[in-house]
Structure formats: C-alpha cells, structure tokens
C-alpha atoms as a PDB file:
ATOM      1  CA  UNK A   1      -7.362  10.452  -9.404  1.00  0.00           C
ATOM      2  CA  UNK A   2      -3.692  10.497  -8.387  1.00  0.00           C
ATOM      3  CA  UNK A   3      -1.268   7.954  -9.738  1.00  0.00           C
ATOM      4  CA  UNK A   4       0.359   5.468  -7.378  1.00  0.00           C
ATOM      5  CA  UNK A   5       3.709   7.289  -7.374  1.00  0.00           C
ATOM      6  CA  UNK A   6       2.093  10.510  -6.153  1.00  0.00           C
ATOM      7  CA  UNK A   7       0.168   8.509  -3.565  1.00  0.00           C
ATOM      8  CA  UNK A   8       3.438   7.038  -2.281  1.00  0.00           C
ATOM      9  CA  UNK A   9       4.974  10.491  -1.800  1.00  0.00           C
ATOM     10  CA  UNK A  10       1.812  11.700  -0.027  1.00  0.00           C
ATOM     11  CA  UNK A  11       1.806   8.562   2.154  1.00  0.00           C
ATOM     12  CA  UNK A  12       5.403   9.232   3.211  1.00  0.00           C
ATOM     13  CA  UNK A  13       4.565  12.881   3.857  1.00  0.00           C
ATOM     14  CA  UNK A  14       1.651  11.905   6.117  1.00  0.00           C
ATOM     15  CA  UNK A  15       4.278  10.172   8.229  1.00  0.00           C
ATOM     16  CA  UNK A  16       5.912  13.557   8.798  1.00  0.00           C
ATOM     17  CA  UNK A  17       8.526  13.510   6.028  1.00  0.00           C
ATOM     18  CA  UNK A  18       9.316  16.562   3.935  1.00  0.00           C
ATOM     19  CA  UNK A  19       9.807  16.270   0.187  1.00  0.00           C
ATOM     20  CA  UNK A  20      13.565  16.422   0.798  1.00  0.00           C
ATOM     21  CA  UNK A  21      13.334  13.577   3.349  1.00  0.00           C
ATOM     22  CA  UNK A  22      11.236  11.530   0.897  1.00  0.00           C
ATOM     23  CA  UNK A  23      13.954  11.994  -1.727  1.00  0.00           C
ATOM     24  CA  UNK A  24      16.667  10.963   0.741  1.00  0.00           C
ATOM     25  CA  UNK A  25      14.707   7.907   1.855  1.00  0.00           C
ATOM     26  CA  UNK A  26      14.162   6.860  -1.756  1.00  0.00           C
ATOM     27  CA  UNK A  27      17.767   7.647  -2.722  1.00  0.00           C
ATOM     28  CA  UNK A  28      16.689   9.964  -5.528  1.00  0.00           C
ATOM     29  CA  UNK A  29      16.970  13.695  -6.128  1.00  0.00           C
ATOM     30  CA  UNK A  30      14.448  16.126  -4.751  1.00  0.00           C
ATOM     31  CA  UNK A  31      13.838  17.335  -8.328  1.00  0.00           C
ATOM     32  CA  UNK A  32      12.835  13.772  -9.292  1.00  0.00           C
ATOM     33  CA  UNK A  33      10.263  13.796  -6.489  1.00  0.00           C
ATOM     34  CA  UNK A  34       8.988  17.144  -7.806  1.00  0.00           C
ATOM     35  CA  UNK A  35       8.638  15.630 -11.283  1.00  0.00           C
ATOM     36  CA  UNK A  36       6.702  12.712  -9.801  1.00  0.00           C
ATOM     37  CA  UNK A  37       4.384  15.120  -8.009  1.00  0.00           C
ATOM     38  CA  UNK A  38       3.771  17.058 -11.237  1.00  0.00           C
ATOM     39  CA  UNK A  39       3.042  13.869 -13.184  1.00  0.00           C
ATOM     40  CA  UNK A  40       6.171  14.063 -15.362  1.00  0.00           C
ATOM     41  CA  UNK A  41       7.703  10.916 -13.833  1.00  0.00           C
ATOM     42  CA  UNK A  42       6.586   7.771 -12.055  1.00  0.00           C
ATOM     43  CA  UNK A  43       8.358   5.396  -9.715  1.00  0.00           C
ATOM     44  CA  UNK A  44       9.315   1.930 -10.858  1.00  0.00           C
ATOM     45  CA  UNK A  45       8.450  -1.246  -9.002  1.00  0.00           C
ATOM     46  CA  UNK A  46      12.031  -1.165  -7.734  1.00  0.00           C
ATOM     47  CA  UNK A  47      11.277   2.115  -5.904  1.00  0.00           C
ATOM     48  CA  UNK A  48       8.180   0.627  -4.256  1.00  0.00           C
ATOM     49  CA  UNK A  49      10.116  -2.484  -3.214  1.00  0.00           C
ATOM     50  CA  UNK A  50      12.922  -0.356  -1.748  1.00  0.00           C
ATOM     51  CA  UNK A  51      10.485   1.754   0.281  1.00  0.00           C
ATOM     52  CA  UNK A  52       8.663  -1.363   1.443  1.00  0.00           C
ATOM     53  CA  UNK A  53      11.971  -2.791   2.645  1.00  0.00           C
ATOM     54  CA  UNK A  54      12.886   0.431   4.448  1.00  0.00           C
ATOM     55  CA  UNK A  55       9.476   0.601   6.114  1.00  0.00           C
ATOM     56  CA  UNK A  56       9.614  -3.135   6.881  1.00  0.00           C
ATOM     57  CA  UNK A  57       6.389  -3.512   4.942  1.00  0.00           C
ATOM     58  CA  UNK A  58       5.895  -6.054   2.150  1.00  0.00           C
ATOM     59  CA  UNK A  59       5.462  -4.320  -1.201  1.00  0.00           C
ATOM     60  CA  UNK A  60       1.961  -5.692  -1.726  1.00  0.00           C
ATOM     61  CA  UNK A  61       0.813  -4.252   1.609  1.00  0.00           C
ATOM     62  CA  UNK A  62       2.435  -0.910   0.825  1.00  0.00           C
ATOM     63  CA  UNK A  63       0.535  -0.790  -2.469  1.00  0.00           C
ATOM     64  CA  UNK A  64      -2.718  -1.789  -0.752  1.00  0.00           C
ATOM     65  CA  UNK A  65      -2.258   1.041   1.766  1.00  0.00           C
ATOM     66  CA  UNK A  66      -1.994   3.518  -1.093  1.00  0.00           C
ATOM     67  CA  UNK A  67      -5.455   2.684  -2.411  1.00  0.00           C
ATOM     68  CA  UNK A  68      -7.988   5.444  -1.778  1.00  0.00           C
ATOM     69  CA  UNK A  69     -11.144   3.859  -0.399  1.00  0.00           C
ATOM     70  CA  UNK A  70     -13.192   6.308  -2.467  1.00  0.00           C
ATOM     71  CA  UNK A  71     -11.888   4.523  -5.577  1.00  0.00           C
ATOM     72  CA  UNK A  72     -13.428   1.243  -4.415  1.00  0.00           C
ATOM     73  CA  UNK A  73     -17.150   0.692  -4.985  1.00  0.00           C
ATOM     74  CA  UNK A  74     -18.949   1.256  -1.704  1.00  0.00           C
ATOM     75  CA  UNK A  75     -20.358  -2.265  -1.726  1.00  0.00           C
ATOM     76  CA  UNK A  76     -16.800  -3.702  -1.721  1.00  0.00           C
ATOM     77  CA  UNK A  77     -15.102  -1.362   0.778  1.00  0.00           C
ATOM     78  CA  UNK A  78     -15.843  -3.396   3.881  1.00  0.00           C
ATOM     79  CA  UNK A  79     -14.464  -6.548   2.283  1.00  0.00           C
ATOM     80  CA  UNK A  80     -11.381  -4.674   1.078  1.00  0.00           C
ATOM     81  CA  UNK A  81     -10.719  -3.292   4.556  1.00  0.00           C
ATOM     82  CA  UNK A  82     -11.152  -6.765   6.054  1.00  0.00           C
ATOM     83  CA  UNK A  83      -8.694  -8.220   3.565  1.00  0.00           C
ATOM     84  CA  UNK A  84      -6.074  -5.528   4.204  1.00  0.00           C
ATOM     85  CA  UNK A  85      -6.453  -5.879   7.989  1.00  0.00           C
ATOM     86  CA  UNK A  86      -6.113  -9.637   7.712  1.00  0.00           C
ATOM     87  CA  UNK A  87      -2.994  -9.364   5.574  1.00  0.00           C
ATOM     88  CA  UNK A  88      -1.469  -6.769   7.881  1.00  0.00           C
ATOM     89  CA  UNK A  89      -2.041  -9.051  10.849  1.00  0.00           C
ATOM     90  CA  UNK A  90       0.113 -11.654   9.080  1.00  0.00           C
ATOM     91  CA  UNK A  91       3.247  -9.557   9.458  1.00  0.00           C
ATOM     92  CA  UNK A  92       5.300  -8.662  12.493  1.00  0.00           C
ATOM     93  CA  UNK A  93       7.000  -5.306  12.944  1.00  0.00           C
ATOM     94  CA  UNK A  94      10.157  -6.615  11.246  1.00  0.00           C
ATOM     95  CA  UNK A  95       8.245  -7.631   8.117  1.00  0.00           C
ATOM     96  CA  UNK A  96       8.421 -11.357   8.850  1.00  0.00           C
ATOM     97  CA  UNK A  97       5.287 -13.328   8.190  1.00  0.00           C
ATOM     98  CA  UNK A  98       3.742 -14.832  11.290  1.00  0.00           C
ATOM     99  CA  UNK A  99       1.687 -17.972  11.518  1.00  0.00           C
ATOM    100  CA  UNK A 100      -1.994 -17.223  11.010  1.00  0.00           C
ATOM    101  CA  UNK A 101      -5.143 -19.204  10.711  1.00  0.00           C
ATOM    102  CA  UNK A 102      -4.978 -21.269   7.544  1.00  0.00           C
ATOM    103  CA  UNK A 103      -8.600 -20.550   6.782  1.00  0.00           C
ATOM    104  CA  UNK A 104      -8.436 -16.727   6.878  1.00  0.00           C
ATOM    105  CA  UNK A 105      -8.408 -16.244   3.115  1.00  0.00           C
ATOM    106  CA  UNK A 106     -10.967 -19.009   2.572  1.00  0.00           C
ATOM    107  CA  UNK A 107     -13.286 -17.334   5.076  1.00  0.00           C
ATOM    108  CA  UNK A 108     -12.812 -13.972   3.367  1.00  0.00           C
ATOM    109  CA  UNK A 109     -13.605 -15.445  -0.055  1.00  0.00           C
ATOM    110  CA  UNK A 110     -16.624 -17.316   1.273  1.00  0.00           C
ATOM    111  CA  UNK A 111     -17.920 -14.172   2.981  1.00  0.00           C
ATOM    112  CA  UNK A 112     -17.451 -12.174  -0.232  1.00  0.00           C
ATOM    113  CA  UNK A 113     -19.321 -14.791  -2.239  1.00  0.00           C
ATOM    114  CA  UNK A 114     -22.158 -14.872   0.278  1.00  0.00           C
ATOM    115  CA  UNK A 115     -22.494 -11.109  -0.111  1.00  0.00           C
ATOM    116  CA  UNK A 116     -22.682 -11.531  -3.874  1.00  0.00           C
ATOM    117  CA  UNK A 117     -19.213 -10.165  -4.615  1.00  0.00           C
ATOM    118  CA  UNK A 118     -16.556 -11.971  -6.620  1.00  0.00           C
ATOM    119  CA  UNK A 119     -13.874 -13.551  -4.438  1.00  0.00           C
END
C-alpha cells in the first residue's frame, strides 16, 4: 500500500505532469519528490494544503481523492463514493462552497445505517 505522499505525486502525474512539473508546482526540489517516491520522505499537511489551493480543491477532498477504493471494504465502497460525490458537488470550480441540500449528509448517514454500516 502506498503512502499518501506517493499517492499525491501519482495523482498529479495522472493529470499529465512530469516529476519535474510536480516539484515546480509544489515549490520543492525534484530530488525531494524522488525521495518521497522512494519512501525516504513524506509531505506535510502544509504541502497538501498548498496543492489543494493550487488545484482549487479543498484539502479534505484532495485527500479523499487519493484513497484507493481497493483499500475500502467492498461493502462500504458504494457509500464512500456517494459521500465523495456529494462533497464534490458542494464546491464550484473556484473552490467556493455552494449552497446544497441541508439534508444531504443526514440522508447519507441514514442510508449507511439502514445498510448496517456505521455512519
């Protein structure tokens, strides 16, 4: 299982960025990125927040996007995907929260409980 720092680099690379471009975006050296990829280093929360800001994506959504669905028990995957989709729909392109149904989270929790999963 990859650590979250490696997952962030891979996520940025899936968007077409080279390792050098990842380093530039994160305002760190390319050798630091290499050390992250080899497991010698990890990013701090500050790095994740900075990338979230640059991608206009709240940090919590960035972290949720880095989760590998295979790491989530199969019985919870559908609920997880619903939660992430619901949270993503709360944000506009510029990262500003938009008005959403007040009962979205309550409905998600109730649905999870009805399926026998903790909310």
